[in-house]
Amino acid sequence: MGFAWLALLALLTAALLWLLKLRGPMLTLAGAAVAFGCAGYSLQGSPGLPGTPRTSAERLPSMPLTGARQALMGQFDYSDTWLNMADALASRGNTQDAVNLLRTQIARSPGDYKLWVGLGNALFDHSRTLSPAARYAYVRAAQLAPGYPAPPFFLGLAEARSGNPDEAIRLWSQVLANAPANASWRPMVEDGLLLMTRGAATKSPPPEKVQAGS
């Protein structure tokens, strides 16, 4: 079943990326991040056992989320500069340095929700699971920017990568429900949600049979 699941994800990922090429390079990058995020929870967790990460030797490398982050939070501002630096550190395996960098900047700008989102992503990449510290960072970002899409989107992605697709689907559905119809990033979330929903349905175990007389 595991290999069939991965094959399905590969097929859906290829289809998603093909569609996103028609919508611009930014969403193509973001779509790639979403697609591999959905694949991440199947690789890191055991089917049917939410939140069960693999051992450190089996863990996936840090995921490049720059495209999705910039699609949802913009770029070329103060926060983006530090977030790009943190991404560069994480891409070289220096995940603790990425976390330290963002914690330092948050101490200087505690009200910057983008830095809190970035910290959540960095903490996830460092621990390879949705730790209490990472969850707190996403929740704090949502408190600072209520109604903004990035905090619940990236929390949902972290839930998916930790083996909790149902919670990810709930969060992404909430993002779409609150999104303007003309939001430039809406197709990214719609396509990612479709992929995640199909994947979750594929992984659902068949109902148990009740024996006669029991």
Protein backbone atom coordinates (compact mmCIF):
# COMPACT_ATOMS: atom_id res chain seq x y z
CA MET A 1 0.00 0.00 0.00
CA GLY A 2 2.83 2.40 0.81
CA PHE A 3 4.36 2.25 -2.66
CA ALA A 4 0.96 2.63 -4.30
CA TRP A 5 0.35 5.71 -2.15
CA LEU A 6 3.68 7.25 -3.16
CA ALA A 7 3.02 6.49 -6.83
CA LEU A 8 -0.35 8.23 -6.58
CA LEU A 9 1.26 11.23 -4.93
CA ALA A 10 3.88 11.39 -7.68
CA LEU A 11 1.15 11.33 -10.32
CA LEU A 12 -0.91 14.00 -8.59
CA THR A 13 2.17 16.15 -8.06
CA ALA A 14 3.06 16.00 -11.75
CA ALA A 15 -0.49 16.94 -12.70
CA LEU A 16 -0.58 19.78 -10.19
CA LEU A 17 2.69 21.25 -11.40
CA TRP A 18 1.57 21.01 -15.02
CA LEU A 19 -1.57 22.97 -14.15
CA LEU A 20 0.32 25.56 -12.15
CA LYS A 21 2.69 26.29 -15.04
CA LEU A 22 -0.28 27.93 -16.70
CA ARG A 23 -0.72 30.28 -13.75
CA GLY A 24 2.73 31.80 -13.43
CA PRO A 25 6.16 30.89 -12.08
CA MET A 26 5.46 32.04 -8.53
CA LEU A 27 2.55 29.66 -8.07
CA THR A 28 4.53 26.91 -9.75
CA LEU A 29 7.13 27.19 -7.00
CA ALA A 30 4.48 27.44 -4.35
CA GLY A 31 2.60 24.49 -5.78
CA ALA A 32 5.76 22.42 -5.67
CA ALA A 33 6.16 23.22 -1.98
CA VAL A 34 2.56 22.24 -1.29
CA ALA A 35 2.82 19.03 -3.28
CA PHE A 36 5.99 17.87 -1.58
CA GLY A 37 4.52 18.89 1.76
CA CYS A 38 1.64 16.51 1.17
CA ALA A 39 4.11 13.81 0.22
CA GLY A 40 6.07 14.58 3.36
CA TYR A 41 3.50 13.30 5.81
CA SER A 42 3.30 9.95 4.06
CA LEU A 43 7.08 9.60 4.08
CA GLN A 44 7.63 10.79 7.63
CA GLY A 45 4.69 9.10 9.30
CA SER A 46 3.29 5.61 9.43
CA PRO A 47 -0.03 5.16 7.56
CA GLY A 48 -2.92 5.42 9.96
CA LEU A 49 -0.74 6.59 12.85
CA PRO A 50 -0.93 10.39 12.97
CA GLY A 51 2.09 12.21 14.30
CA THR A 52 4.51 9.28 14.13
CA PRO A 53 7.75 10.61 12.61
CA ARG A 54 10.48 8.44 11.25
CA THR A 55 13.91 8.16 12.78
CA SER A 56 16.52 10.83 12.15
CA ALA A 57 18.26 8.67 9.54
CA GLU A 58 15.05 8.45 7.51
CA ARG A 59 13.97 12.08 7.77
CA LEU A 60 13.44 14.24 4.74
CA PRO A 61 15.63 17.26 4.00
CA SER A 62 14.34 20.76 4.72
CA MET A 63 11.58 21.77 2.37
CA PRO A 64 12.01 24.96 0.31
CA LEU A 65 8.90 27.02 1.10
CA THR A 66 10.07 30.34 -0.32
CA GLY A 67 7.58 30.34 -3.20
CA ALA A 68 4.56 29.58 -1.03
CA ARG A 69 5.71 32.03 1.64
CA GLN A 70 6.15 34.89 -0.80
CA ALA A 71 2.86 34.13 -2.54
CA LEU A 72 1.03 34.44 0.78
CA MET A 73 3.05 37.13 2.58
CA GLY A 74 4.76 39.12 -0.17
CA GLN A 75 8.43 39.84 -0.59
CA PHE A 76 11.07 42.58 -0.76
CA ASP A 77 10.35 43.83 2.75
CA TYR A 78 12.12 43.72 6.12
CA SER A 79 10.74 40.32 7.06
CA ASP A 80 11.47 38.76 3.69
CA THR A 81 15.16 39.62 4.00
CA TRP A 82 15.56 37.65 7.22
CA LEU A 83 13.29 34.84 6.08
CA ASN A 84 15.39 34.39 2.94
CA MET A 85 18.50 34.20 5.08
CA ALA A 86 16.88 31.58 7.30
CA ASP A 87 15.82 29.59 4.23
CA ALA A 88 19.40 29.66 2.95
CA LEU A 89 20.72 28.37 6.27
CA ALA A 90 18.16 25.58 6.42
CA SER A 91 18.86 24.53 2.84
CA ARG A 92 22.48 23.88 3.87
CA GLY A 93 21.39 21.81 6.86
CA ASN A 94 21.96 24.58 9.41
CA THR A 95 18.45 24.40 10.81
CA GLN A 96 19.42 25.43 14.33
CA ASP A 97 21.13 28.53 12.96
CA ALA A 98 17.95 29.36 11.03
CA VAL A 99 15.91 29.07 14.23
CA ASN A 100 18.38 31.22 16.17
CA LEU A 101 18.41 33.88 13.47
CA LEU A 102 14.63 34.23 13.47
CA ARG A 103 14.39 34.19 17.26
CA THR A 104 16.85 37.08 17.37
CA GLN A 105 14.80 39.08 14.87
CA ILE A 106 11.56 38.34 16.70
CA ALA A 107 13.13 39.68 19.89
CA ARG A 108 13.69 42.91 17.96
CA SER A 109 10.30 42.92 16.21
CA PRO A 110 7.93 40.79 18.33
CA GLY A 111 4.86 42.07 16.50
CA ASP A 112 5.95 40.89 13.04
CA TYR A 113 3.68 37.97 12.21
CA LYS A 114 5.75 37.00 9.16
CA LEU A 115 8.77 36.32 11.34
CA TRP A 116 6.63 34.13 13.59
CA VAL A 117 5.43 32.13 10.59
CA GLY A 118 9.03 31.75 9.47
CA LEU A 119 10.03 30.62 12.95
CA GLY A 120 7.32 27.97 12.89
CA ASN A 121 8.65 26.68 9.57
CA ALA A 122 12.23 26.75 10.83
CA LEU A 123 11.35 24.90 14.02
CA PHE A 124 9.53 22.25 12.01
CA ASP A 125 12.52 21.79 9.71
CA HIS A 126 14.79 21.46 12.73
CA SER A 127 12.72 18.88 14.63
CA ARG A 128 11.00 17.32 11.58
CA THR A 129 7.68 17.37 13.38
CA LEU A 130 5.14 19.89 14.65
CA SER A 131 6.69 20.50 18.04
CA PRO A 132 4.93 22.55 20.76
CA ALA A 133 7.34 25.41 20.01
CA ALA A 134 6.51 25.35 16.30
CA ARG A 135 2.79 25.23 17.02
CA TYR A 136 3.12 28.19 19.37
CA ALA A 137 4.90 30.19 16.65
CA TYR A 138 2.06 29.59 14.18
CA VAL A 139 -0.60 30.38 16.79
CA ARG A 140 1.22 33.57 17.75
CA ALA A 141 1.37 34.60 14.10
CA ALA A 142 -2.38 34.05 13.79
CA GLN A 143 -2.99 36.17 16.89
CA LEU A 144 -0.92 39.00 15.43
CA ALA A 145 -2.58 38.78 11.99
CA PRO A 146 -6.14 37.46 12.43
CA GLY A 147 -7.76 36.56 9.14
CA TYR A 148 -4.48 36.46 7.21
CA PRO A 149 -3.96 33.24 5.25
CA ALA A 150 -0.30 32.44 5.96
CA PRO A 151 -0.49 31.32 9.63
CA PRO A 152 -3.24 28.70 9.16
CA PHE A 153 -1.84 27.66 5.79
CA PHE A 154 1.62 26.84 7.13
CA LEU A 155 0.21 25.32 10.31
CA GLY A 156 -1.87 23.08 8.06
CA LEU A 157 1.18 22.17 6.02
CA ALA A 158 3.05 21.29 9.21
CA GLU A 159 0.10 19.15 10.35
CA ALA A 160 0.18 17.31 7.03
CA ARG A 161 3.92 16.75 7.20
CA SER A 162 3.49 15.42 10.75
CA GLY A 163 0.93 12.83 9.66
CA ASN A 164 -2.30 14.70 10.45
CA PRO A 165 -3.93 15.26 7.04
CA ASP A 166 -7.45 15.66 8.46
CA GLU A 167 -6.41 18.69 10.50
CA ALA A 168 -4.50 20.08 7.52
CA ILE A 169 -7.59 19.74 5.35
CA ARG A 170 -9.69 21.52 7.97
CA LEU A 171 -7.23 24.42 8.20
CA TRP A 172 -6.82 24.82 4.45
CA SER A 173 -10.60 24.68 3.96
CA GLN A 174 -10.86 27.50 6.50
CA VAL A 175 -8.24 29.50 4.58
CA LEU A 176 -10.27 29.14 1.39
CA ALA A 177 -13.53 30.01 3.11
CA ASN A 178 -12.03 33.33 4.24
CA ALA A 179 -10.14 34.05 1.01
CA PRO A 180 -11.27 36.69 -1.49
CA ALA A 181 -12.46 35.16 -4.74
CA ASN A 182 -9.75 36.99 -6.67
CA ALA A 183 -6.83 36.24 -4.33
CA SER A 184 -3.76 35.49 -6.45
CA TRP A 185 -2.75 32.61 -4.18
CA ARG A 186 -6.18 30.96 -4.07
CA PRO A 187 -5.47 28.45 -6.89
CA MET A 188 -2.40 27.26 -5.00
CA VAL A 189 -4.45 26.41 -1.92
CA GLU A 190 -7.30 24.94 -3.96
CA ASP A 191 -5.00 22.60 -5.86
CA GLY A 192 -3.07 21.66 -2.73
CA LEU A 193 -6.32 20.93 -0.87
CA LEU A 194 -7.53 18.77 -3.74
CA LEU A 195 -4.29 16.78 -3.71
CA MET A 196 -4.39 16.41 0.08
CA THR A 197 -8.04 15.33 0.09
CA ARG A 198 -7.42 12.68 -2.54
CA GLY A 199 -4.38 11.44 -0.68
CA ALA A 200 -6.23 11.26 2.64
CA ALA A 201 -9.04 9.32 1.00
CA THR A 202 -6.53 6.87 -0.47
CA LYS A 203 -4.94 6.29 2.93
CA SER A 204 -8.23 5.75 4.77
CA PRO A 205 -8.43 2.12 5.99
CA PRO A 206 -11.43 0.04 4.90
CA PRO A 207 -14.23 -0.32 7.48
CA GLU A 208 -13.92 -3.32 9.76
CA LYS A 209 -16.23 -6.21 8.99
CA VAL A 210 -18.61 -7.23 11.75
CA GLN A 211 -18.84 -10.98 12.09
CA ALA A 212 -22.25 -12.52 12.29
CA GLY A 213 -23.36 -13.28 15.80
CA SER A 214 -20.95 -10.82 17.45
